[in-house]
Amino acid sequence: MKINLLKGKMAERGIDGIRMSQLIGRTPSYMYNHLKKPDSLLLSEIYVICEVLEIPFEDIPKYFPKEGERC
């Protein structure tokens, strides 16, 4: 599951949902809701998350599925 990849990467870096929400300028509830459905994040938010978690931009599809794709 791609959501597990993202959560695993967050855990590796010691970043929880609250801290990630601060980094993207959103509320914790926004972040937790969007972690359940990462295809609903804004592209600008995805870029910040990738930078923070050191995810190469070419790996975005591995962590953030296209709309309608199972995650």
PDB file of N, CA and C in Angstrom:
ATOM      1  N   MET A   1       0.836  -1.190   0.000  1.00  0.00           N
ATOM      2  CA  MET A   1       0.000   0.000   0.000  1.00  0.00           C
ATOM      3  C   MET A   1       0.880   1.252   0.000  1.00  0.00           C
ATOM      4  N   LYS A   2       0.563   2.177  -0.852  1.00  0.00           N
ATOM      5  CA  LYS A   2       1.363   3.386  -0.976  1.00  0.00           C
ATOM      6  C   LYS A   2       1.282   4.249   0.277  1.00  0.00           C
ATOM      7  N   ILE A   3       0.147   4.221   0.952  1.00  0.00           N
ATOM      8  CA  ILE A   3       0.037   5.019   2.176  1.00  0.00           C
ATOM      9  C   ILE A   3       1.037   4.532   3.215  1.00  0.00           C
ATOM     10  N   ASN A   4       1.292   3.232   3.242  1.00  0.00           N
ATOM     11  CA  ASN A   4       2.277   2.692   4.178  1.00  0.00           C
ATOM     12  C   ASN A   4       3.679   3.155   3.812  1.00  0.00           C
ATOM     13  N   LEU A   5       3.963   3.311   2.529  1.00  0.00           N
ATOM     14  CA  LEU A   5       5.264   3.844   2.111  1.00  0.00           C
ATOM     15  C   LEU A   5       5.463   5.256   2.654  1.00  0.00           C
ATOM     16  N   LEU A   6       4.436   6.071   2.520  1.00  0.00           N
ATOM     17  CA  LEU A   6       4.522   7.450   2.974  1.00  0.00           C
ATOM     18  C   LEU A   6       4.652   7.516   4.491  1.00  0.00           C
ATOM     19  N   LYS A   7       3.811   6.773   5.189  1.00  0.00           N
ATOM     20  CA  LYS A   7       3.886   6.771   6.655  1.00  0.00           C
ATOM     21  C   LYS A   7       5.222   6.201   7.125  1.00  0.00           C
ATOM     22  N   GLY A   8       5.729   5.200   6.437  1.00  0.00           N
ATOM     23  CA  GLY A   8       7.027   4.632   6.783  1.00  0.00           C
ATOM     24  C   GLY A   8       8.147   5.644   6.609  1.00  0.00           C
ATOM     25  N   LYS A   9       8.075   6.407   5.523  1.00  0.00           N
ATOM     26  CA  LYS A   9       9.083   7.440   5.267  1.00  0.00           C
ATOM     27  C   LYS A   9       9.003   8.531   6.342  1.00  0.00           C
ATOM     28  N   MET A  10       7.789   8.881   6.747  1.00  0.00           N
ATOM     29  CA  MET A  10       7.616   9.858   7.812  1.00  0.00           C
ATOM     30  C   MET A  10       8.226   9.334   9.108  1.00  0.00           C
ATOM     31  N   ALA A  11       7.979   8.069   9.416  1.00  0.00           N
ATOM     32  CA  ALA A  11       8.516   7.468  10.641  1.00  0.00           C
ATOM     33  C   ALA A  11      10.044   7.443  10.604  1.00  0.00           C
ATOM     34  N   GLU A  12      10.620   7.113   9.446  1.00  0.00           N
ATOM     35  CA  GLU A  12      12.080   7.110   9.294  1.00  0.00           C
ATOM     36  C   GLU A  12      12.682   8.461   9.653  1.00  0.00           C
ATOM     37  N   ARG A  13      11.988   9.510   9.274  1.00  0.00           N
ATOM     38  CA  ARG A  13      12.491  10.869   9.491  1.00  0.00           C
ATOM     39  C   ARG A  13      12.043  11.453  10.831  1.00  0.00           C
ATOM     40  N   GLY A  14      11.245  10.667  11.590  1.00  0.00           N
ATOM     41  CA  GLY A  14      10.770  11.146  12.889  1.00  0.00           C
ATOM     42  C   GLY A  14       9.752  12.257  12.792  1.00  0.00           C
ATOM     43  N   ILE A  15       8.950  12.236  11.720  1.00  0.00           N
ATOM     44  CA  ILE A  15       7.950  13.278  11.498  1.00  0.00           C
ATOM     45  C   ILE A  15       6.569  12.658  11.600  1.00  0.00           C
ATOM     46  N   ASP A  16       5.777  13.183  12.522  1.00  0.00           N
ATOM     47  CA  ASP A  16       4.404  12.686  12.652  1.00  0.00           C
ATOM     48  C   ASP A  16       3.451  13.581  11.862  1.00  0.00           C
ATOM     49  N   GLY A  17       2.179  13.229  11.887  1.00  0.00           N
ATOM     50  CA  GLY A  17       1.182  13.986  11.130  1.00  0.00           C
ATOM     51  C   GLY A  17       1.055  15.431  11.583  1.00  0.00           C
ATOM     52  N   ILE A  18       1.218  15.647  12.873  1.00  0.00           N
ATOM     53  CA  ILE A  18       1.116  17.017  13.396  1.00  0.00           C
ATOM     54  C   ILE A  18       2.246  17.879  12.836  1.00  0.00           C
ATOM     55  N   ARG A  19       3.459  17.375  12.893  1.00  0.00           N
ATOM     56  CA  ARG A  19       4.606  18.138  12.372  1.00  0.00           C
ATOM     57  C   ARG A  19       4.482  18.344  10.862  1.00  0.00           C
ATOM     58  N   MET A  20       4.060  17.304  10.144  1.00  0.00           N
ATOM     59  CA  MET A  20       3.911  17.438   8.699  1.00  0.00           C
ATOM     60  C   MET A  20       2.847  18.476   8.368  1.00  0.00           C
ATOM     61  N   SER A  21       1.761  18.489   9.129  1.00  0.00           N
ATOM     62  CA  SER A  21       0.708  19.483   8.876  1.00  0.00           C
ATOM     63  C   SER A  21       1.256  20.904   9.055  1.00  0.00           C
ATOM     64  N   GLN A  22       2.122  21.094  10.057  1.00  0.00           N
ATOM     65  CA  GLN A  22       2.741  22.407  10.259  1.00  0.00           C
ATOM     66  C   GLN A  22       3.621  22.774   9.067  1.00  0.00           C
ATOM     67  N   LEU A  23       4.353  21.797   8.563  1.00  0.00           N
ATOM     68  CA  LEU A  23       5.273  22.060   7.451  1.00  0.00           C
ATOM     69  C   LEU A  23       4.547  22.437   6.163  1.00  0.00           C
ATOM     70  N   ILE A  24       3.341  21.888   5.972  1.00  0.00           N
ATOM     71  CA  ILE A  24       2.601  22.242   4.755  1.00  0.00           C
ATOM     72  C   ILE A  24       1.578  23.345   5.003  1.00  0.00           C
ATOM     73  N   GLY A  25       1.527  23.851   6.240  1.00  0.00           N
ATOM     74  CA  GLY A  25       0.642  24.971   6.545  1.00  0.00           C
ATOM     75  C   GLY A  25      -0.813  24.608   6.667  1.00  0.00           C
ATOM     76  N   ARG A  26      -1.078  23.419   7.153  1.00  0.00           N
ATOM     77  CA  ARG A  26      -2.456  22.947   7.322  1.00  0.00           C
ATOM     78  C   ARG A  26      -2.696  22.490   8.756  1.00  0.00           C
ATOM     79  N   THR A  27      -3.931  22.179   9.066  1.00  0.00           N
ATOM     80  CA  THR A  27      -4.271  21.673  10.396  1.00  0.00           C
ATOM     81  C   THR A  27      -3.949  20.183  10.477  1.00  0.00           C
ATOM     82  N   PRO A  28      -3.739  19.679  11.692  1.00  0.00           N
ATOM     83  CA  PRO A  28      -3.497  18.237  11.828  1.00  0.00           C
ATOM     84  C   PRO A  28      -4.636  17.384  11.260  1.00  0.00           C
ATOM     85  N   SER A  29      -5.878  17.818  11.451  1.00  0.00           N
ATOM     86  CA  SER A  29      -7.000  17.019  10.925  1.00  0.00           C
ATOM     87  C   SER A  29      -6.963  16.961   9.400  1.00  0.00           C
ATOM     88  N   TYR A  30      -6.566  18.057   8.758  1.00  0.00           N
ATOM     89  CA  TYR A  30      -6.416  18.061   7.298  1.00  0.00           C
ATOM     90  C   TYR A  30      -5.389  17.010   6.883  1.00  0.00           C
ATOM     91  N   MET A  31      -4.240  17.013   7.567  1.00  0.00           N
ATOM     92  CA  MET A  31      -3.169  16.079   7.214  1.00  0.00           C
ATOM     93  C   MET A  31      -3.607  14.638   7.414  1.00  0.00           C
ATOM     94  N   TYR A  32      -4.216  14.343   8.550  1.00  0.00           N
ATOM     95  CA  TYR A  32      -4.644  12.964   8.820  1.00  0.00           C
ATOM     96  C   TYR A  32      -5.688  12.501   7.805  1.00  0.00           C
ATOM     97  N   ASN A  33      -6.618  13.380   7.448  1.00  0.00           N
ATOM     98  CA  ASN A  33      -7.625  13.016   6.442  1.00  0.00           C
ATOM     99  C   ASN A  33      -6.981  12.754   5.093  1.00  0.00           C
ATOM    100  N   HIS A  34      -5.992  13.550   4.739  1.00  0.00           N
ATOM    101  CA  HIS A  34      -5.354  13.392   3.441  1.00  0.00           C
ATOM    102  C   HIS A  34      -4.337  12.257   3.419  1.00  0.00           C
ATOM    103  N   LEU A  35      -3.842  11.851   4.567  1.00  0.00           N
ATOM    104  CA  LEU A  35      -2.980  10.668   4.603  1.00  0.00           C
ATOM    105  C   LEU A  35      -3.782   9.413   4.257  1.00  0.00           C
ATOM    106  N   LYS A  36      -5.078   9.456   4.546  1.00  0.00           N
ATOM    107  CA  LYS A  36      -5.950   8.330   4.195  1.00  0.00           C
ATOM    108  C   LYS A  36      -6.205   8.297   2.687  1.00  0.00           C
ATOM    109  N   LYS A  37      -6.138   9.451   2.069  1.00  0.00           N
ATOM    110  CA  LYS A  37      -6.402   9.571   0.629  1.00  0.00           C
ATOM    111  C   LYS A  37      -5.381  10.540   0.027  1.00  0.00           C
ATOM    112  N   PRO A  38      -4.113  10.082  -0.116  1.00  0.00           N
ATOM    113  CA  PRO A  38      -3.056  11.000  -0.538  1.00  0.00           C
ATOM    114  C   PRO A  38      -3.226  11.594  -1.932  1.00  0.00           C
ATOM    115  N   ASP A  39      -4.098  11.010  -2.772  1.00  0.00           N
ATOM    116  CA  ASP A  39      -4.293  11.593  -4.100  1.00  0.00           C
ATOM    117  C   ASP A  39      -5.064  12.908  -4.032  1.00  0.00           C
ATOM    118  N   SER A  40      -5.566  13.261  -2.842  1.00  0.00           N
ATOM    119  CA  SER A  40      -6.324  14.501  -2.713  1.00  0.00           C
ATOM    120  C   SER A  40      -5.471  15.672  -2.221  1.00  0.00           C
ATOM    121  N   LEU A  41      -4.180  15.436  -1.984  1.00  0.00           N
ATOM    122  CA  LEU A  41      -3.284  16.520  -1.602  1.00  0.00           C
ATOM    123  C   LEU A  41      -3.003  17.428  -2.799  1.00  0.00           C
ATOM    124  N   LEU A  42      -2.764  18.696  -2.519  1.00  0.00           N
ATOM    125  CA  LEU A  42      -2.380  19.632  -3.577  1.00  0.00           C
ATOM    126  C   LEU A  42      -0.951  19.325  -4.025  1.00  0.00           C
ATOM    127  N   LEU A  43      -0.644  19.600  -5.264  1.00  0.00           N
ATOM    128  CA  LEU A  43       0.692  19.349  -5.783  1.00  0.00           C
ATOM    129  C   LEU A  43       1.739  20.127  -4.994  1.00  0.00           C
ATOM    130  N   SER A  44       1.420  21.351  -4.626  1.00  0.00           N
ATOM    131  CA  SER A  44       2.372  22.148  -3.834  1.00  0.00           C
ATOM    132  C   SER A  44       2.650  21.482  -2.492  1.00  0.00           C
ATOM    133  N   GLU A  45       1.646  20.840  -1.898  1.00  0.00           N
ATOM    134  CA  GLU A  45       1.828  20.127  -0.632  1.00  0.00           C
ATOM    135  C   GLU A  45       2.680  18.875  -0.839  1.00  0.00           C
ATOM    136  N   ILE A  46       2.462  18.209  -1.946  1.00  0.00           N
ATOM    137  CA  ILE A  46       3.242  17.008  -2.272  1.00  0.00           C
ATOM    138  C   ILE A  46       4.715  17.375  -2.433  1.00  0.00           C
ATOM    139  N   TYR A  47       4.989  18.495  -3.081  1.00  0.00           N
ATOM    140  CA  TYR A  47       6.378  18.925  -3.251  1.00  0.00           C
ATOM    141  C   TYR A  47       7.051  19.189  -1.900  1.00  0.00           C
ATOM    142  N   VAL A  48       6.345  19.846  -0.993  1.00  0.00           N
ATOM    143  CA  VAL A  48       6.906  20.116   0.332  1.00  0.00           C
ATOM    144  C   VAL A  48       7.177  18.805   1.057  1.00  0.00           C
ATOM    145  N   ILE A  49       6.208  17.901   1.010  1.00  0.00           N
ATOM    146  CA  ILE A  49       6.369  16.600   1.668  1.00  0.00           C
ATOM    147  C   ILE A  49       7.574  15.865   1.093  1.00  0.00           C
ATOM    148  N   CYS A  50       7.715  15.893  -0.215  1.00  0.00           N
ATOM    149  CA  CYS A  50       8.850  15.220  -0.855  1.00  0.00           C
ATOM    150  C   CYS A  50      10.175  15.846  -0.418  1.00  0.00           C
ATOM    151  N   GLU A  51      10.226  17.145  -0.347  1.00  0.00           N
ATOM    152  CA  GLU A  51      11.453  17.808   0.082  1.00  0.00           C
ATOM    153  C   GLU A  51      11.792  17.456   1.525  1.00  0.00           C
ATOM    154  N   VAL A  52      10.795  17.498   2.400  1.00  0.00           N
ATOM    155  CA  VAL A  52      11.015  17.205   3.818  1.00  0.00           C
ATOM    156  C   VAL A  52      11.455  15.754   4.019  1.00  0.00           C
ATOM    157  N   LEU A  53      10.818  14.844   3.287  1.00  0.00           N
ATOM    158  CA  LEU A  53      11.107  13.420   3.465  1.00  0.00           C
ATOM    159  C   LEU A  53      12.215  12.922   2.540  1.00  0.00           C
ATOM    160  N   GLU A  54      12.787  13.838   1.761  1.00  0.00           N
ATOM    161  CA  GLU A  54      13.855  13.501   0.818  1.00  0.00           C
ATOM    162  C   GLU A  54      13.412  12.418  -0.168  1.00  0.00           C
ATOM    163  N   ILE A  55      12.199  12.603  -0.689  1.00  0.00           N
ATOM    164  CA  ILE A  55      11.665  11.725  -1.726  1.00  0.00           C
ATOM    165  C   ILE A  55      11.955  12.390  -3.062  1.00  0.00           C
ATOM    166  N   PRO A  56      12.690  11.728  -3.953  1.00  0.00           N
ATOM    167  CA  PRO A  56      12.948  12.328  -5.269  1.00  0.00           C
ATOM    168  C   PRO A  56      11.624  12.565  -6.016  1.00  0.00           C
ATOM    169  N   PHE A  57      11.554  13.688  -6.720  1.00  0.00           N
ATOM    170  CA  PHE A  57      10.319  14.017  -7.418  1.00  0.00           C
ATOM    171  C   PHE A  57       9.901  12.929  -8.411  1.00  0.00           C
ATOM    172  N   GLU A  58      10.865  12.223  -8.985  1.00  0.00           N
ATOM    173  CA  GLU A  58      10.501  11.159  -9.927  1.00  0.00           C
ATOM    174  C   GLU A  58       9.827   9.978  -9.224  1.00  0.00           C
ATOM    175  N   ASP A  59       9.907   9.932  -7.889  1.00  0.00           N
ATOM    176  CA  ASP A  59       9.250   8.865  -7.123  1.00  0.00           C
ATOM    177  C   ASP A  59       7.859   9.251  -6.630  1.00  0.00           C
ATOM    178  N   ILE A  60       7.368  10.423  -6.998  1.00  0.00           N
ATOM    179  CA  ILE A  60       6.046  10.867  -6.559  1.00  0.00           C
ATOM    180  C   ILE A  60       4.974   9.811  -6.823  1.00  0.00           C
ATOM    181  N   PRO A  61       4.918   9.185  -8.005  1.00  0.00           N
ATOM    182  CA  PRO A  61       3.868   8.183  -8.235  1.00  0.00           C
ATOM    183  C   PRO A  61       3.925   6.989  -7.269  1.00  0.00           C
ATOM    184  N   LYS A  62       5.090   6.700  -6.713  1.00  0.00           N
ATOM    185  CA  LYS A  62       5.206   5.597  -5.760  1.00  0.00           C
ATOM    186  C   LYS A  62       4.511   5.924  -4.440  1.00  0.00           C
ATOM    187  N   TYR A  63       4.492   7.194  -4.083  1.00  0.00           N
ATOM    188  CA  TYR A  63       3.963   7.622  -2.793  1.00  0.00           C
ATOM    189  C   TYR A  63       2.580   8.266  -2.886  1.00  0.00           C
ATOM    190  N   PHE A  64       2.287   8.851  -4.034  1.00  0.00           N
ATOM    191  CA  PHE A  64       1.034   9.580  -4.211  1.00  0.00           C
ATOM    192  C   PHE A  64       0.336   9.074  -5.472  1.00  0.00           C
ATOM    193  N   PRO A  65      -0.647   8.187  -5.318  1.00  0.00           N
ATOM    194  CA  PRO A  65      -1.298   7.586  -6.479  1.00  0.00           C
ATOM    195  C   PRO A  65      -2.138   8.590  -7.254  1.00  0.00           C
ATOM    196  N   LYS A  66      -2.345   8.276  -8.521  1.00  0.00           N
ATOM    197  CA  LYS A  66      -3.267   9.076  -9.334  1.00  0.00           C
ATOM    198  C   LYS A  66      -4.668   8.890  -8.786  1.00  0.00           C
ATOM    199  N   GLU A  67      -5.523   9.866  -9.059  1.00  0.00           N
ATOM    200  CA  GLU A  67      -6.907   9.768  -8.621  1.00  0.00           C
ATOM    201  C   GLU A  67      -7.512   8.474  -9.153  1.00  0.00           C
ATOM    202  N   GLY A  68      -8.188   7.769  -8.294  1.00  0.00           N
ATOM    203  CA  GLY A  68      -8.842   6.530  -8.684  1.00  0.00           C
ATOM    204  C   GLY A  68      -7.959   5.307  -8.557  1.00  0.00           C
ATOM    205  N   GLU A  69      -6.657   5.490  -8.392  1.00  0.00           N
ATOM    206  CA  GLU A  69      -5.745   4.365  -8.219  1.00  0.00           C
ATOM    207  C   GLU A  69      -5.806   3.911  -6.768  1.00  0.00           C
ATOM    208  N   ARG A  70      -5.739   2.636  -6.554  1.00  0.00           N
ATOM    209  CA  ARG A  70      -5.751   2.122  -5.187  1.00  0.00           C
ATOM    210  C   ARG A  70      -4.463   2.500  -4.490  1.00  0.00           C
ATOM    211  N   CYS A  71      -4.591   2.845  -3.208  1.00  0.00           N
ATOM    212  CA  CYS A  71      -3.375   3.169  -2.468  1.00  0.00           C
ATOM    213  C   CYS A  71      -3.242   2.279  -1.246  1.00  0.00           C
TER     214      CYS A  71
END
